[in-house]
Amino acid sequence: MKIFGLGLSRTGTTTLNRVLNDLGFNTIHYPSSRKVLFSTNNDGANDIPVINYFEELDQKFPNSKFILTTRNKEKWLKSIVHYLGRKKDWKMSNWTIENRTKVYGSPFPDYEQCSKVYDNHEEKIRNYFKERPQDFLVLDICGGDNPKKLYEFLNVDHEPPES
């Protein structure tokens, strides 16, 4: 079984990856290439590279688990536009540019582009998995979803940290 996070950047993808790693899964946050993403040497991956290939990953790795991290749309929009905007002067790999462009339509999308992407992304993912609830979890880490929800989905016996 592999675990793939299908959340847009800034929806808790880093936290999801850290929790999965803490549970003993060797998942990768933002895989650096297609080869790494499709490798059998890890337990999965998350962030936007996964979004671009999730249907292919679903076929290649049957019985995988898919987690859509989500977040309040308005809070996400403020966060993502600022986050991407401050990276305009950074040197990015072709892989990063390619993945951002596939997801957002541009490596540095504006507010309107991001708003449309958010809606379309959520709808596409939810529709794809609507007949497979055993393979799909929606998790709002930023909104306070209990980690137990993730543990139960993965059938992991783990006590959540005290709040």
Protein backbone atom coordinates (compact mmCIF):
# COMPACT_ATOMS: atom_id res chain seq x y z
CA MET A 1 0.00 0.00 0.00
CA LYS A 2 1.17 3.49 -0.87
CA ILE A 3 -0.18 6.74 0.53
CA PHE A 4 -0.63 9.78 -1.67
CA GLY A 5 -1.54 13.28 -0.55
CA LEU A 6 -3.63 15.16 -3.08
CA GLY A 7 -3.77 18.55 -1.41
CA LEU A 8 -2.75 21.79 -2.99
CA SER A 9 0.30 23.46 -1.49
CA ARG A 10 -0.50 25.31 1.76
CA THR A 11 -3.29 22.90 2.78
CA GLY A 12 -1.29 20.95 5.36
CA THR A 13 0.84 18.87 2.99
CA THR A 14 4.02 19.36 5.03
CA THR A 15 2.22 18.43 8.25
CA LEU A 16 0.64 15.38 6.62
CA ASN A 17 4.02 14.20 5.42
CA ARG A 18 5.59 14.73 8.86
CA VAL A 19 2.79 12.75 10.56
CA LEU A 20 3.11 9.91 8.05
CA ASN A 21 6.87 9.82 8.59
CA ASP A 22 6.34 9.80 12.37
CA LEU A 23 4.03 6.82 11.92
CA GLY A 24 6.85 4.97 10.14
CA PHE A 25 5.84 5.57 6.53
CA ASN A 26 8.61 6.64 4.17
CA THR A 27 6.61 9.28 2.29
CA ILE A 28 8.11 12.17 0.39
CA HIS A 29 6.87 15.73 0.53
CA TYR A 30 7.08 17.24 -2.96
CA PRO A 31 9.00 14.54 -4.86
CA SER A 32 11.85 15.98 -6.91
CA SER A 33 11.14 14.09 -10.13
CA ARG A 34 8.73 11.73 -11.85
CA LYS A 35 11.20 8.91 -11.16
CA VAL A 36 11.06 9.60 -7.42
CA LEU A 37 7.27 9.94 -7.50
CA PHE A 38 6.81 6.55 -9.18
CA SER A 39 9.59 4.81 -7.24
CA THR A 40 8.87 1.61 -5.37
CA ASN A 41 11.50 2.69 -2.80
CA ASN A 42 9.08 4.89 -0.87
CA ASP A 43 5.65 4.57 0.71
CA GLY A 44 4.13 7.47 -1.19
CA ALA A 45 4.29 11.20 -1.67
CA ASN A 46 2.23 14.36 -1.53
CA ASP A 47 1.82 17.93 -2.78
CA ILE A 48 1.24 19.15 -6.31
CA PRO A 49 3.44 16.66 -8.21
CA VAL A 50 1.09 13.93 -6.98
CA ILE A 51 -1.95 15.88 -8.15
CA ASN A 52 -0.65 15.88 -11.71
CA TYR A 53 -0.21 12.10 -11.80
CA PHE A 54 -2.72 10.72 -9.28
CA GLU A 55 -4.78 8.74 -11.80
CA GLU A 56 -1.65 7.10 -13.18
CA LEU A 57 -0.39 6.42 -9.63
CA ASP A 58 -3.76 4.88 -8.77
CA GLN A 59 -3.38 2.45 -11.68
CA LYS A 60 0.27 1.64 -11.01
CA PHE A 61 -0.17 1.13 -7.26
CA PRO A 62 -3.51 -0.62 -6.60
CA ASN A 63 -4.87 -0.55 -3.05
CA SER A 64 -3.19 2.76 -2.32
CA LYS A 65 -4.69 5.34 0.01
CA PHE A 66 -5.36 8.91 -1.14
CA ILE A 67 -5.71 11.87 1.19
CA LEU A 68 -7.08 15.22 0.10
CA THR A 69 -5.80 17.85 2.48
CA THR A 70 -8.06 20.87 2.32
CA ARG A 71 -8.38 24.25 3.96
CA ASN A 72 -10.83 27.13 4.23
CA LYS A 73 -10.74 28.60 0.73
CA GLU A 74 -10.34 32.27 1.67
CA LYS A 75 -7.54 31.54 4.13
CA TRP A 76 -5.88 29.30 1.56
CA LEU A 77 -6.09 31.97 -1.15
CA LYS A 78 -4.39 34.56 1.07
CA SER A 79 -1.71 32.07 1.98
CA ILE A 80 -0.98 30.60 -1.46
CA VAL A 81 -0.90 33.88 -3.39
CA HIS A 82 1.52 35.36 -0.84
CA TYR A 83 3.59 32.15 -0.73
CA LEU A 84 3.99 31.86 -4.50
CA GLY A 85 4.49 35.59 -4.95
CA ARG A 86 7.42 35.75 -2.57
CA LYS A 87 9.15 32.98 -4.53
CA LYS A 88 9.16 34.83 -7.87
CA ASP A 89 12.87 35.62 -7.60
CA TRP A 90 13.88 32.10 -6.52
CA LYS A 91 15.53 29.75 -8.94
CA MET A 92 13.14 26.87 -9.58
CA SER A 93 13.76 23.53 -11.23
CA ASN A 94 12.03 22.71 -14.49
CA TRP A 95 10.09 20.04 -12.58
CA THR A 96 8.69 22.64 -10.17
CA ILE A 97 7.80 25.04 -12.98
CA GLU A 98 6.14 22.21 -14.92
CA ASN A 99 4.10 21.04 -11.93
CA ARG A 100 2.97 24.51 -10.89
CA THR A 101 1.98 25.31 -14.45
CA LYS A 102 -0.01 22.07 -14.78
CA VAL A 103 -1.86 22.74 -11.54
CA TYR A 104 -2.27 26.53 -11.53
CA GLY A 105 -1.90 27.44 -15.20
CA SER A 106 1.19 29.47 -14.34
CA PRO A 107 4.18 29.13 -11.99
CA PHE A 108 2.97 32.32 -10.25
CA PRO A 109 -0.83 32.41 -10.48
CA ASP A 110 -2.88 35.34 -9.29
CA TYR A 111 -5.81 35.30 -6.88
CA GLU A 112 -8.44 34.57 -9.55
CA GLN A 113 -6.46 31.70 -11.06
CA CYS A 114 -5.94 30.16 -7.63
CA SER A 115 -9.62 30.52 -6.77
CA LYS A 116 -10.66 28.61 -9.89
CA VAL A 117 -8.00 25.97 -9.32
CA TYR A 118 -9.18 25.39 -5.75
CA ASP A 119 -12.77 24.77 -6.83
CA ASN A 120 -11.91 22.61 -9.83
CA HIS A 121 -9.33 20.60 -7.90
CA GLU A 122 -11.65 19.75 -5.01
CA GLU A 123 -14.44 18.75 -7.40
CA LYS A 124 -12.20 16.61 -9.62
CA ILE A 125 -10.63 14.70 -6.73
CA ARG A 126 -13.89 14.12 -4.87
CA ASN A 127 -15.63 12.93 -8.04
CA TYR A 128 -12.80 10.56 -8.92
CA PHE A 129 -13.01 8.80 -5.54
CA LYS A 130 -16.76 9.11 -4.89
CA GLU A 131 -17.30 5.35 -5.29
CA ARG A 132 -14.20 4.43 -3.26
CA PRO A 133 -14.52 5.83 0.28
CA GLN A 134 -12.26 3.07 1.61
CA ASP A 135 -9.38 4.52 -0.45
CA PHE A 136 -10.05 8.23 0.07
CA LEU A 137 -9.95 10.62 3.01
CA VAL A 138 -10.59 14.36 3.18
CA LEU A 139 -8.51 15.89 5.95
CA ASP A 140 -8.66 19.51 7.09
CA ILE A 141 -5.50 19.73 9.18
CA CYS A 142 -5.58 23.54 9.25
CA GLY A 143 -9.22 23.43 10.39
CA GLY A 144 -8.44 21.13 13.29
CA ASP A 145 -9.38 17.64 12.10
CA ASN A 146 -8.42 15.11 14.76
CA PRO A 147 -5.36 12.97 13.86
CA LYS A 148 -7.41 9.94 14.90
CA LYS A 149 -9.33 10.36 11.64
CA LEU A 150 -6.09 9.71 9.73
CA TYR A 151 -5.03 6.82 11.97
CA GLU A 152 -8.37 5.08 11.52
CA PHE A 153 -8.26 5.58 7.75
CA LEU A 154 -4.78 4.02 7.60
CA ASN A 155 -5.72 1.35 10.13
CA VAL A 156 -2.84 2.44 12.35
CA ASP A 157 -3.00 1.91 16.08
CA HIS A 158 -1.65 5.17 17.40
CA GLU A 159 -2.64 7.52 20.16
CA PRO A 160 -2.91 11.15 19.01
CA PRO A 161 -0.81 13.70 20.90
CA GLU A 162 -2.48 15.54 23.76
CA SER A 163 -3.84 18.94 22.70
